[in-house]
Amino acid sequence: MSWIVYALISALAAAATAILAKVGVEGVPATLATAIRTLVVLVFAWAIAIGLDQQRVIPTLSRRSLLFLALSGLATGVSWLAYMRALQMAPASWVAPIDKLSLPLTLLIAGVFLRETITWQMGAGAALMVLGALLTRG
């Protein structure tokens, strides 16, 4: 499969995540809800990695890779904790568009720190996403 298929699967799963989490977080502390969700992700991801025999690569990973993967994990944890709390406080239809502002922020950070080329089309699309997020709040 190409990267676009995986990206579309990711988008569909993320959309389902918002709805499922909104229902699941009702009456549950946001941190506990995140911990349960994270446990499921942990078991699921390790089952796939072991099923594909990828765990054998662990000894060859560089310290740099491990550091940045750990930092990414921390960022994911902060994101998920904040997302669950936001879902407790507001409708999913308000929270999800704001959460998706991660795309314009990613473009900005990738341009500055990774020196990735950001075209005017990408910038215009990101600007429209920001506008869309603002408009969906009503």
N, C-alpha and C. Protein backbone atom coordinates (compact mmCIF):
# COMPACT_ATOMS: atom_id res chain seq x y z
N MET A 1 0.85 -1.19 0.00
CA MET A 1 0.00 0.00 0.00
C MET A 1 0.88 1.24 0.00
N SER A 2 0.38 2.29 -0.59
CA SER A 2 1.14 3.54 -0.63
C SER A 2 0.91 4.35 0.65
N TRP A 3 1.71 5.37 0.82
CA TRP A 3 1.60 6.21 2.01
C TRP A 3 0.24 6.88 2.08
N ILE A 4 -0.35 7.22 0.95
CA ILE A 4 -1.64 7.92 0.96
C ILE A 4 -2.75 7.01 1.53
N VAL A 5 -2.67 5.72 1.24
CA VAL A 5 -3.66 4.79 1.80
C VAL A 5 -3.52 4.75 3.33
N TYR A 6 -2.29 4.65 3.80
CA TYR A 6 -2.07 4.66 5.25
C TYR A 6 -2.52 5.98 5.87
N ALA A 7 -2.27 7.09 5.20
CA ALA A 7 -2.70 8.39 5.71
C ALA A 7 -4.22 8.48 5.78
N LEU A 8 -4.90 7.93 4.79
CA LEU A 8 -6.37 7.94 4.81
C LEU A 8 -6.92 7.02 5.90
N ILE A 9 -6.29 5.88 6.11
CA ILE A 9 -6.67 5.01 7.21
C ILE A 9 -6.49 5.74 8.54
N SER A 10 -5.37 6.45 8.66
CA SER A 10 -5.10 7.23 9.87
C SER A 10 -6.18 8.28 10.11
N ALA A 11 -6.57 8.98 9.05
CA ALA A 11 -7.60 10.02 9.18
C ALA A 11 -8.93 9.42 9.61
N LEU A 12 -9.30 8.30 9.01
CA LEU A 12 -10.55 7.63 9.37
C LEU A 12 -10.51 7.16 10.82
N ALA A 13 -9.39 6.56 11.22
CA ALA A 13 -9.25 6.09 12.60
C ALA A 13 -9.27 7.26 13.58
N ALA A 14 -8.66 8.38 13.21
CA ALA A 14 -8.66 9.55 14.08
C ALA A 14 -10.07 10.11 14.24
N ALA A 15 -10.84 10.09 13.16
CA ALA A 15 -12.23 10.54 13.25
C ALA A 15 -13.02 9.63 14.19
N ALA A 16 -12.83 8.33 14.05
CA ALA A 16 -13.51 7.39 14.94
C ALA A 16 -13.05 7.59 16.38
N THR A 17 -11.77 7.90 16.56
CA THR A 17 -11.23 8.12 17.90
C THR A 17 -11.97 9.23 18.63
N ALA A 18 -12.23 10.32 17.93
CA ALA A 18 -12.92 11.46 18.55
C ALA A 18 -14.30 11.05 19.06
N ILE A 19 -15.05 10.35 18.25
CA ILE A 19 -16.40 9.96 18.62
C ILE A 19 -16.38 8.91 19.72
N LEU A 20 -15.56 7.88 19.55
CA LEU A 20 -15.47 6.81 20.55
C LEU A 20 -14.97 7.34 21.89
N ALA A 21 -13.98 8.22 21.86
CA ALA A 21 -13.44 8.78 23.10
C ALA A 21 -14.46 9.68 23.79
N LYS A 22 -15.22 10.45 23.02
CA LYS A 22 -16.23 11.33 23.61
C LYS A 22 -17.25 10.51 24.39
N VAL A 23 -17.69 9.40 23.83
CA VAL A 23 -18.65 8.53 24.52
C VAL A 23 -17.98 7.83 25.70
N GLY A 24 -16.77 7.34 25.49
CA GLY A 24 -16.07 6.58 26.52
C GLY A 24 -15.63 7.39 27.72
N VAL A 25 -15.39 8.66 27.54
CA VAL A 25 -14.85 9.48 28.63
C VAL A 25 -15.96 9.98 29.58
N GLU A 26 -17.21 9.76 29.20
CA GLU A 26 -18.33 10.19 30.06
C GLU A 26 -18.26 9.48 31.41
N GLY A 27 -18.17 10.25 32.47
CA GLY A 27 -18.15 9.69 33.81
C GLY A 27 -16.84 9.05 34.21
N VAL A 28 -15.81 9.21 33.39
CA VAL A 28 -14.49 8.62 33.68
C VAL A 28 -13.48 9.76 33.78
N PRO A 29 -12.63 9.78 34.82
CA PRO A 29 -11.59 10.81 34.86
C PRO A 29 -10.74 10.77 33.59
N ALA A 30 -10.43 11.94 33.06
CA ALA A 30 -9.72 12.04 31.78
C ALA A 30 -8.38 11.31 31.80
N THR A 31 -7.66 11.40 32.90
CA THR A 31 -6.35 10.73 32.97
C THR A 31 -6.51 9.22 32.97
N LEU A 32 -7.50 8.70 33.69
CA LEU A 32 -7.76 7.27 33.69
C LEU A 32 -8.19 6.81 32.31
N ALA A 33 -9.05 7.58 31.65
CA ALA A 33 -9.48 7.24 30.30
C ALA A 33 -8.28 7.15 29.35
N THR A 34 -7.36 8.10 29.49
CA THR A 34 -6.15 8.09 28.66
C THR A 34 -5.29 6.88 28.98
N ALA A 35 -5.18 6.54 30.26
CA ALA A 35 -4.37 5.38 30.65
C ALA A 35 -4.95 4.09 30.07
N ILE A 36 -6.26 3.95 30.10
CA ILE A 36 -6.89 2.75 29.53
C ILE A 36 -6.65 2.70 28.03
N ARG A 37 -6.88 3.83 27.37
CA ARG A 37 -6.68 3.90 25.92
C ARG A 37 -5.22 3.59 25.57
N THR A 38 -4.30 4.11 26.34
CA THR A 38 -2.87 3.90 26.09
C THR A 38 -2.49 2.44 26.28
N LEU A 39 -3.08 1.78 27.27
CA LEU A 39 -2.82 0.36 27.49
C LEU A 39 -3.26 -0.46 26.27
N VAL A 40 -4.43 -0.11 25.72
CA VAL A 40 -4.91 -0.81 24.53
C VAL A 40 -3.95 -0.59 23.36
N VAL A 41 -3.50 0.66 23.18
CA VAL A 41 -2.55 0.97 22.11
C VAL A 41 -1.25 0.20 22.33
N LEU A 42 -0.79 0.15 23.55
CA LEU A 42 0.45 -0.55 23.88
C LEU A 42 0.37 -2.03 23.50
N VAL A 43 -0.67 -2.70 23.94
CA VAL A 43 -0.84 -4.13 23.65
C VAL A 43 -0.99 -4.35 22.14
N PHE A 44 -1.81 -3.52 21.49
CA PHE A 44 -2.06 -3.65 20.07
C PHE A 44 -0.78 -3.45 19.25
N ALA A 45 -0.03 -2.39 19.56
CA ALA A 45 1.20 -2.10 18.81
C ALA A 45 2.25 -3.18 19.02
N TRP A 46 2.42 -3.65 20.27
CA TRP A 46 3.41 -4.71 20.52
C TRP A 46 3.00 -6.02 19.85
N ALA A 47 1.71 -6.32 19.84
CA ALA A 47 1.26 -7.55 19.18
C ALA A 47 1.59 -7.51 17.69
N ILE A 48 1.39 -6.37 17.07
CA ILE A 48 1.72 -6.24 15.64
C ILE A 48 3.23 -6.30 15.43
N ALA A 49 3.99 -5.56 16.25
CA ALA A 49 5.46 -5.55 16.11
C ALA A 49 6.03 -6.96 16.28
N ILE A 50 5.54 -7.69 17.28
CA ILE A 50 6.03 -9.05 17.50
C ILE A 50 5.56 -9.97 16.38
N GLY A 51 4.32 -9.78 15.96
CA GLY A 51 3.79 -10.58 14.86
C GLY A 51 4.59 -10.41 13.58
N LEU A 52 5.15 -9.22 13.38
CA LEU A 52 5.99 -8.95 12.21
C LEU A 52 7.48 -9.19 12.49
N ASP A 53 7.78 -9.69 13.70
CA ASP A 53 9.15 -10.00 14.13
C ASP A 53 10.07 -8.77 14.11
N GLN A 54 9.50 -7.62 14.41
CA GLN A 54 10.28 -6.39 14.41
C GLN A 54 11.02 -6.12 15.72
N GLN A 55 10.67 -6.81 16.79
CA GLN A 55 11.32 -6.61 18.07
C GLN A 55 12.81 -6.96 18.02
N ARG A 56 13.21 -7.76 17.04
CA ARG A 56 14.62 -8.16 16.92
C ARG A 56 15.53 -6.99 16.56
N VAL A 57 14.94 -5.89 16.10
CA VAL A 57 15.71 -4.71 15.70
C VAL A 57 16.09 -3.84 16.91
N ILE A 58 15.44 -4.06 18.04
CA ILE A 58 15.65 -3.20 19.22
C ILE A 58 17.13 -3.02 19.57
N PRO A 59 17.93 -4.06 19.64
CA PRO A 59 19.34 -3.86 20.02
C PRO A 59 20.13 -2.98 19.05
N THR A 60 19.66 -2.81 17.84
CA THR A 60 20.40 -2.03 16.85
C THR A 60 19.99 -0.56 16.83
N LEU A 61 18.98 -0.18 17.62
CA LEU A 61 18.51 1.21 17.60
C LEU A 61 19.55 2.14 18.21
N SER A 62 19.71 3.28 17.60
CA SER A 62 20.67 4.27 18.12
C SER A 62 20.08 4.99 19.33
N ARG A 63 20.97 5.54 20.13
CA ARG A 63 20.52 6.34 21.28
C ARG A 63 19.70 7.53 20.82
N ARG A 64 20.09 8.11 19.70
CA ARG A 64 19.36 9.26 19.15
C ARG A 64 17.92 8.86 18.81
N SER A 65 17.76 7.74 18.12
CA SER A 65 16.42 7.26 17.78
C SER A 65 15.60 7.01 19.03
N LEU A 66 16.20 6.32 20.00
CA LEU A 66 15.49 6.03 21.25
C LEU A 66 15.08 7.32 21.97
N LEU A 67 15.99 8.30 22.02
CA LEU A 67 15.68 9.57 22.67
C LEU A 67 14.51 10.26 21.99
N PHE A 68 14.55 10.37 20.67
CA PHE A 68 13.49 11.09 19.96
C PHE A 68 12.18 10.31 19.97
N LEU A 69 12.24 8.99 19.96
CA LEU A 69 11.01 8.21 20.09
C LEU A 69 10.41 8.39 21.49
N ALA A 70 11.27 8.44 22.51
CA ALA A 70 10.78 8.67 23.88
C ALA A 70 10.16 10.07 24.00
N LEU A 71 10.81 11.07 23.44
CA LEU A 71 10.25 12.43 23.47
C LEU A 71 8.94 12.50 22.71
N SER A 72 8.86 11.80 21.59
CA SER A 72 7.62 11.73 20.82
C SER A 72 6.52 11.07 21.66
N GLY A 73 6.88 10.03 22.39
CA GLY A 73 5.92 9.38 23.28
C GLY A 73 5.41 10.31 24.36
N LEU A 74 6.30 11.12 24.92
CA LEU A 74 5.88 12.10 25.92
C LEU A 74 4.93 13.13 25.31
N ALA A 75 5.26 13.60 24.11
CA ALA A 75 4.40 14.56 23.44
C ALA A 75 3.03 13.94 23.15
N THR A 76 3.02 12.68 22.73
CA THR A 76 1.76 11.98 22.49
C THR A 76 0.95 11.88 23.77
N GLY A 77 1.61 11.56 24.87
CA GLY A 77 0.92 11.47 26.16
C GLY A 77 0.28 12.80 26.56
N VAL A 78 1.02 13.87 26.42
CA VAL A 78 0.47 15.19 26.74
C VAL A 78 -0.71 15.49 25.83
N SER A 79 -0.56 15.20 24.54
CA SER A 79 -1.63 15.44 23.58
C SER A 79 -2.88 14.66 23.96
N TRP A 80 -2.73 13.39 24.24
CA TRP A 80 -3.88 12.54 24.56
C TRP A 80 -4.55 12.96 25.87
N LEU A 81 -3.75 13.31 26.88
CA LEU A 81 -4.32 13.75 28.16
C LEU A 81 -5.14 15.03 27.96
N ALA A 82 -4.57 15.98 27.22
CA ALA A 82 -5.28 17.24 26.98
C ALA A 82 -6.52 17.01 26.11
N TYR A 83 -6.42 16.12 25.14
CA TYR A 83 -7.54 15.82 24.25
C TYR A 83 -8.71 15.23 25.03
N MET A 84 -8.44 14.27 25.90
CA MET A 84 -9.50 13.66 26.69
C MET A 84 -10.16 14.67 27.62
N ARG A 85 -9.34 15.52 28.21
CA ARG A 85 -9.91 16.56 29.10
C ARG A 85 -10.76 17.52 28.30
N ALA A 86 -10.30 17.92 27.12
CA ALA A 86 -11.08 18.82 26.27
C ALA A 86 -12.40 18.18 25.88
N LEU A 87 -12.39 16.87 25.58
CA LEU A 87 -13.62 16.17 25.21
C LEU A 87 -14.62 16.14 26.37
N GLN A 88 -14.12 16.12 27.59
CA GLN A 88 -15.01 16.17 28.75
C GLN A 88 -15.68 17.54 28.87
N MET A 89 -15.01 18.56 28.38
CA MET A 89 -15.46 19.93 28.58
C MET A 89 -16.24 20.51 27.41
N ALA A 90 -16.14 19.91 26.23
CA ALA A 90 -16.76 20.49 25.04
C ALA A 90 -17.18 19.39 24.08
N PRO A 91 -18.09 19.72 23.14
CA PRO A 91 -18.50 18.73 22.15
C PRO A 91 -17.34 18.28 21.26
N ALA A 92 -17.39 17.03 20.81
CA ALA A 92 -16.35 16.49 19.93
C ALA A 92 -16.23 17.33 18.67
N SER A 93 -17.36 17.87 18.19
CA SER A 93 -17.35 18.68 16.96
C SER A 93 -16.61 20.00 17.15
N TRP A 94 -16.38 20.41 18.38
CA TRP A 94 -15.57 21.60 18.65
C TRP A 94 -14.12 21.22 18.90
N VAL A 95 -13.91 20.13 19.63
CA VAL A 95 -12.56 19.74 20.04
C VAL A 95 -11.74 19.24 18.84
N ALA A 96 -12.33 18.37 18.02
CA ALA A 96 -11.58 17.75 16.92
C ALA A 96 -10.98 18.77 15.95
N PRO A 97 -11.73 19.80 15.51
CA PRO A 97 -11.12 20.76 14.58
C PRO A 97 -9.94 21.52 15.19
N ILE A 98 -10.03 21.84 16.47
CA ILE A 98 -8.91 22.53 17.13
C ILE A 98 -7.72 21.57 17.23
N ASP A 99 -7.99 20.33 17.57
CA ASP A 99 -6.94 19.32 17.64
C ASP A 99 -6.23 19.18 16.29
N LYS A 100 -6.97 19.29 15.21
CA LYS A 100 -6.39 19.14 13.87
C LYS A 100 -5.53 20.33 13.46
N LEU A 101 -5.49 21.36 14.30
CA LEU A 101 -4.54 22.45 14.04
C LEU A 101 -3.11 21.96 14.18
N SER A 102 -2.97 20.72 14.59
CA SER A 102 -1.62 20.13 14.63
C SER A 102 -1.00 20.12 13.24
N LEU A 103 -1.81 20.05 12.20
CA LEU A 103 -1.23 20.04 10.84
C LEU A 103 -0.54 21.36 10.51
N PRO A 104 -1.21 22.51 10.64
CA PRO A 104 -0.48 23.76 10.36
C PRO A 104 0.73 23.94 11.27
N LEU A 105 0.61 23.52 12.53
CA LEU A 105 1.75 23.63 13.44
C LEU A 105 2.89 22.70 13.01
N THR A 106 2.54 21.52 12.53
CA THR A 106 3.56 20.59 12.04
C THR A 106 4.29 21.17 10.84
N LEU A 107 3.54 21.77 9.91
CA LEU A 107 4.18 22.40 8.75
C LEU A 107 5.17 23.47 9.19
N LEU A 108 4.75 24.31 10.12
CA LEU A 108 5.61 25.39 10.62
C LEU A 108 6.87 24.82 11.27
N ILE A 109 6.69 23.87 12.16
CA ILE A 109 7.84 23.28 12.87
C ILE A 109 8.75 22.53 11.91
N ALA A 110 8.16 21.79 10.96
CA ALA A 110 8.96 21.05 9.97
C ALA A 110 9.77 22.00 9.10
N GLY A 111 9.19 23.14 8.77
CA GLY A 111 9.91 24.12 7.97
C GLY A 111 11.07 24.73 8.73
N VAL A 112 10.83 25.06 9.99
CA VAL A 112 11.86 25.73 10.80
C VAL A 112 12.96 24.77 11.25
N PHE A 113 12.57 23.65 11.84
CA PHE A 113 13.55 22.77 12.46
C PHE A 113 14.09 21.67 11.55
N LEU A 114 13.25 21.18 10.63
CA LEU A 114 13.70 20.12 9.73
C LEU A 114 14.09 20.65 8.36
N ARG A 115 13.92 21.95 8.17
CA ARG A 115 14.25 22.61 6.90
C ARG A 115 13.48 22.01 5.72
N GLU A 116 12.26 21.52 5.99
CA GLU A 116 11.43 20.99 4.91
C GLU A 116 10.87 22.16 4.11
N THR A 117 10.72 21.96 2.83
CA THR A 117 10.19 23.00 1.96
C THR A 117 8.68 23.08 2.14
N ILE A 118 8.22 24.29 2.39
CA ILE A 118 6.78 24.54 2.53
C ILE A 118 6.37 25.40 1.33
N THR A 119 5.58 24.83 0.46
CA THR A 119 5.15 25.56 -0.74
C THR A 119 4.02 26.52 -0.40
N TRP A 120 3.73 27.42 -1.32
CA TRP A 120 2.63 28.35 -1.08
C TRP A 120 1.30 27.59 -1.01
N GLN A 121 1.19 26.48 -1.76
CA GLN A 121 -0.03 25.69 -1.71
C GLN A 121 -0.21 25.05 -0.32
N MET A 122 0.88 24.57 0.24
CA MET A 122 0.83 24.00 1.58
C MET A 122 0.46 25.07 2.60
N GLY A 123 1.06 26.24 2.46
CA GLY A 123 0.74 27.35 3.35
C GLY A 123 -0.71 27.78 3.23
N ALA A 124 -1.21 27.85 1.99
CA ALA A 124 -2.61 28.22 1.78
C ALA A 124 -3.54 27.17 2.37
N GLY A 125 -3.21 25.91 2.18
CA GLY A 125 -4.03 24.83 2.75
C GLY A 125 -4.05 24.88 4.27
N ALA A 126 -2.89 25.14 4.86
CA ALA A 126 -2.81 25.25 6.31
C ALA A 126 -3.61 26.45 6.81
N ALA A 127 -3.53 27.56 6.08
CA ALA A 127 -4.31 28.75 6.46
C ALA A 127 -5.81 28.45 6.40
N LEU A 128 -6.22 27.71 5.38
CA LEU A 128 -7.63 27.34 5.27
C LEU A 128 -8.04 26.41 6.42
N MET A 129 -7.13 25.54 6.85
CA MET A 129 -7.42 24.68 7.99
C MET A 129 -7.63 25.49 9.26
N VAL A 130 -6.78 26.50 9.44
CA VAL A 130 -6.93 27.37 10.61
C VAL A 130 -8.28 28.09 10.54
N LEU A 131 -8.60 28.62 9.37
CA LEU A 131 -9.89 29.30 9.19
C LEU A 131 -11.04 28.32 9.43
N GLY A 132 -10.93 27.11 8.90
CA GLY A 132 -11.96 26.11 9.10
C GLY A 132 -12.14 25.76 10.57
N ALA A 133 -11.03 25.62 11.29
CA ALA A 133 -11.11 25.32 12.73
C ALA A 133 -11.82 26.44 13.48
N LEU A 134 -11.53 27.67 13.11
CA LEU A 134 -12.18 28.82 13.74
C LEU A 134 -13.66 28.87 13.41
N LEU A 135 -14.00 28.58 12.15
CA LEU A 135 -15.41 28.63 11.73
C LEU A 135 -16.24 27.49 12.33
N THR A 136 -15.66 26.34 12.57
CA THR A 136 -16.44 25.23 13.10
C THR A 136 -16.84 25.46 14.55
N ARG A 137 -16.16 26.35 15.21
CA ARG A 137 -16.50 26.66 16.61
C ARG A 137 -17.81 27.41 16.70
N GLY A 138 -18.17 28.10 15.62
CA GLY A 138 -19.45 28.82 15.59
C GLY A 138 -19.43 29.97 16.48
